[in-house]
Amino acid sequence: MKRYRLTVRDRLLFTRAALRQQKLFRVVSLLIDTGASQTIISWETLLSLGLDPTLSAIRKSVTTANGLVSMPQVEIEELNVLGQSVMSLQVLAHTIPLGSQVNGVLGMDFLRQFEFRLNFKQSVIEL
């Protein structure tokens, strides 16, 4: 297992991720959320990759702090996080508040594909 140091802000854990869609790449900051079943990427990031969430025929209902929210689902060709890569990952699109330092949420749909250990006290993850 390889160990990765995570960024801590307001007692939350963040990591960098690279998204690829065709020949476009984006490096983003994602909140690690073991309580999120699916990965969520900001609407703006998806648009910058040439993906338009408004064209998605699939919508998923997600319970958030603001109640039940319906989010479009789109497919990302590749998501690379913490040295691990997943191809053809279904992600949800959601608006992230302007000025936010995060571009989305890394959910369990990505993490459950790997053996990992998350150490909150040391702010590290091992995969």
Protein backbone atom coordinates (compact mmCIF):
# COMPACT_ATOMS: atom_id res chain seq x y z
CA MET A 1 0.00 0.00 0.00
CA LYS A 2 1.15 3.47 -0.83
CA ARG A 3 0.55 6.34 1.60
CA TYR A 4 -0.78 9.74 0.51
CA ARG A 5 -0.98 12.87 2.64
CA LEU A 6 -4.34 14.63 2.46
CA THR A 7 -5.07 18.33 2.69
CA VAL A 8 -6.99 19.36 5.81
CA ARG A 9 -9.31 22.38 5.78
CA ASP A 10 -11.86 23.00 8.52
CA ARG A 11 -11.26 19.45 9.80
CA LEU A 12 -12.27 18.01 6.40
CA LEU A 13 -10.00 15.92 4.15
CA PHE A 14 -9.28 16.84 0.53
CA THR A 15 -7.21 15.40 -2.30
CA ARG A 16 -6.30 16.34 -5.86
CA ALA A 17 -7.78 14.45 -8.79
CA ALA A 18 -7.24 14.43 -12.55
CA LEU A 19 -10.23 14.05 -14.83
CA ARG A 20 -9.93 13.16 -18.51
CA GLN A 21 -12.59 13.43 -21.17
CA GLN A 22 -11.32 12.77 -24.67
CA LYS A 23 -8.27 15.06 -25.01
CA LEU A 24 -9.26 17.44 -22.22
CA PHE A 25 -7.76 17.20 -18.71
CA ARG A 26 -8.66 19.00 -15.51
CA VAL A 27 -6.97 18.84 -12.11
CA VAL A 28 -9.43 19.46 -9.31
CA SER A 29 -9.75 19.37 -5.53
CA LEU A 30 -12.18 16.81 -4.12
CA LEU A 31 -13.56 16.39 -0.61
CA ILE A 32 -13.17 12.79 0.59
CA ASP A 33 -16.59 11.71 1.86
CA THR A 34 -17.00 8.10 2.99
CA GLY A 35 -20.68 8.89 3.58
CA ALA A 36 -21.25 9.73 -0.09
CA SER A 37 -22.25 6.75 -2.19
CA GLN A 38 -21.42 8.50 -5.47
CA THR A 39 -18.76 10.90 -6.67
CA ILE A 40 -20.03 14.41 -7.41
CA ILE A 41 -18.26 16.81 -9.77
CA SER A 42 -19.06 20.49 -10.11
CA TRP A 43 -21.22 21.52 -13.02
CA GLU A 44 -18.54 24.00 -14.14
CA THR A 45 -15.81 21.35 -14.21
CA LEU A 46 -17.96 19.02 -16.28
CA LEU A 47 -18.77 21.82 -18.75
CA SER A 48 -15.04 22.61 -19.06
CA LEU A 49 -14.51 18.96 -20.10
CA GLY A 50 -17.14 19.26 -22.83
CA LEU A 51 -19.83 17.41 -20.86
CA ASP A 52 -23.23 19.10 -20.59
CA PRO A 53 -25.18 17.70 -17.62
CA THR A 54 -28.42 19.22 -18.95
CA LEU A 55 -28.33 16.64 -21.77
CA SER A 56 -28.29 13.69 -19.36
CA ALA A 57 -31.39 11.49 -19.41
CA ILE A 58 -30.41 9.95 -16.06
CA ARG A 59 -31.04 11.78 -12.80
CA LYS A 60 -30.34 10.49 -9.30
CA SER A 61 -31.93 11.67 -6.07
CA VAL A 62 -29.39 12.38 -3.35
CA THR A 63 -30.02 13.35 0.25
CA THR A 64 -27.89 16.37 1.17
CA ALA A 65 -27.78 18.78 4.09
CA ASN A 66 -30.32 20.84 2.11
CA GLY A 67 -32.71 17.92 1.63
CA LEU A 68 -33.38 15.69 -1.36
CA VAL A 69 -31.69 16.95 -4.53
CA SER A 70 -32.04 15.53 -8.06
CA MET A 71 -28.69 15.51 -9.91
CA PRO A 72 -27.90 14.58 -13.51
CA GLN A 73 -25.55 11.63 -13.99
CA VAL A 74 -22.80 11.75 -16.62
CA GLU A 75 -19.90 9.49 -17.49
CA ILE A 76 -16.28 10.61 -17.13
CA GLU A 77 -13.81 8.74 -19.32
CA GLU A 78 -11.14 8.61 -16.61
CA LEU A 79 -10.77 9.71 -13.00
CA ASN A 80 -7.30 9.45 -11.49
CA VAL A 81 -7.01 9.94 -7.73
CA LEU A 82 -4.33 8.91 -5.23
CA GLY A 83 -2.41 6.95 -7.85
CA GLN A 84 -5.50 4.96 -8.83
CA SER A 85 -7.41 5.26 -12.07
CA VAL A 86 -11.00 4.33 -12.87
CA MET A 87 -12.28 4.34 -16.43
CA SER A 88 -15.87 5.16 -17.42
CA LEU A 89 -17.00 6.36 -13.99
CA GLN A 90 -20.59 7.56 -13.60
CA VAL A 91 -20.56 10.82 -11.61
CA LEU A 92 -23.24 13.23 -10.52
CA ALA A 93 -23.28 16.91 -11.49
CA HIS A 94 -24.04 19.52 -8.86
CA THR A 95 -23.47 23.23 -8.46
CA ILE A 96 -20.71 24.02 -6.02
CA PRO A 97 -20.92 27.49 -4.41
CA LEU A 98 -18.89 30.12 -6.25
CA GLY A 99 -15.58 30.83 -4.61
CA SER A 100 -15.47 27.36 -3.14
CA GLN A 101 -12.06 25.73 -2.96
CA VAL A 102 -13.50 22.33 -3.86
CA ASN A 103 -14.66 20.98 -7.20
CA GLY A 104 -16.61 18.01 -5.92
CA VAL A 105 -16.84 15.01 -3.64
CA LEU A 106 -14.93 11.74 -3.93
CA GLY A 107 -17.48 9.11 -3.03
CA MET A 108 -17.48 5.44 -2.19
CA ASP A 109 -18.19 4.43 -5.81
CA PHE A 110 -14.52 5.23 -6.47
CA LEU A 111 -13.01 4.21 -3.13
CA ARG A 112 -14.76 0.83 -2.79
CA GLN A 113 -12.90 -0.42 -5.86
CA PHE A 114 -9.67 -0.47 -3.83
CA GLU A 115 -8.40 -1.65 -0.50
CA PHE A 116 -7.77 1.50 1.50
CA ARG A 117 -7.12 2.72 5.03
CA LEU A 118 -8.05 6.22 6.05
CA ASN A 119 -6.22 7.65 9.07
CA PHE A 120 -8.03 10.78 10.20
CA LYS A 121 -5.56 11.66 12.97
CA GLN A 122 -2.57 11.64 10.61
CA SER A 123 -4.57 12.94 7.61
CA VAL A 124 -3.33 10.16 5.34
CA ILE A 125 -4.88 7.49 3.17
CA GLU A 126 -3.21 4.24 2.16
CA LEU A 127 -4.21 2.42 -1.02
